[in-house]
Amino acid sequence: MTVTMKDIAKLANVSRSTVDKVIHNRPGVKKETRQRIQAIIDELNYKPNLLGKALVNSKDPVKLGVILTPDYNPFIQVLLQGIKKAEREFAPFGIKIIVKMLTTLQPAELISILTEFENMNVKGIAFLPIDDTQVINKANQLADKGIAILTFNSKLEGINEIRYVGQDHVKAGRVAADLMEKLIPSGGDVAVIISSKNLSCHPDRLSGFCSHIENNNHNINIVDIQENQDQRETAFKITLEYCNKYPNLKGIYLSGSCSGGIKNALSLAGKLDDIKIISHDLVPENEMLLKEGVVDFVIAQSEKKQGYQIIKELFNYLIKKQKPNSDVYEIPVDIITKEMLINNTKNNINKIS
């Protein structure tokens, strides 16, 4: 039998408004009365219908801000699919999602958008943090004001967040290194293209990749590391430079997902069949290049599901009043091969339950 607020009020011989004050820990109730009501609540295991209340109050939307890195990054496009699914699902409960895109990876722009959301009176903000002390300070200032802060994809120490949603990127880098060893068992030169040094996910992947190679395989030599800022054209130029500079180049590790630029450069250099490629993120271009056999492995991070989860976490915290049971919602490290795409396994990787 469902226990209602009316039932509790009748048993305690008080009004429903008094019970409501106790449930929401508001003042105006005598200590003895509060204790009596709370005892009845505990005995009957009463749980307030927060979702029903949210539906009633949905005319006053709960605004959530989401800050994403530039949309030329294909990972962001897939992430957005999950965010939009969550938006449709939670809209009846009064959730309004405001998405803003960075145009650069500069801390000042991120801080400016955080301030903009602050002025819009959002209740929660999810963002992919840029590694900068001022960003940490601004995020903590907002958290101190009662705004729920959630970070995703890149873990940044020192932020007072309700939760981090993302992968263990050091582990992902180690997995990539292990796969590279299997692709070139006789060894050789390997070069790296890191997407951005300002987003901790990429230095973390690089750290895991390099440390695994250095500690486990002395036949592989990491000859060069350059940054492309998630730009396809820059990845093309860097890859051409690698091909011209390192005649013994056997593999390229890309910490992001701009594999198309690498493919075109290898094709131009006549080395499309000679150099192994490992990339991150199961985005449409990487799917195509896996099927073509250009990319050998993709390290996926449930991109669509991750976008959905960041909104669900804020919904649970702000509407359902559920605190996370851990500091991290860890996204698994998934290894995607050509055969998995042929058998449609990728649908399970991004399935939102």
Foldseek 3Di string as FASTA:
>chain_A
DADDLVNLCVVLVHDSVQLVCLVVVHDDDDPVSSVSSVVVCVVVVHDDPLQVVLLVVLVQAQEEEEEEEAPLALLVVLLVLLLVVLCVVCSSSRYDYDYDYDPALDPVSVLVVLVVVVVVVHQEYEYQDFADPVRQVSQQVVVVVRRAYEYEQFDYPNHPHLAYEEAQLLVLLLVVLVVVCVVCVQEWEEEEEFADPRGRSRVSSVNSNVVNCVVPPPRYHHDYYYYDNSDLQSLLVVLLVCVVPGVRAAEYEYAGPSCVSNCVNCVVSVCQPRHEYEHEADGPVVLVCLLVVSHAKYWHFLSSQSSNVVSVQVCCCPRVVDRDPDRYDHGDTDIDHNVCVVVPVVCVSNPHD
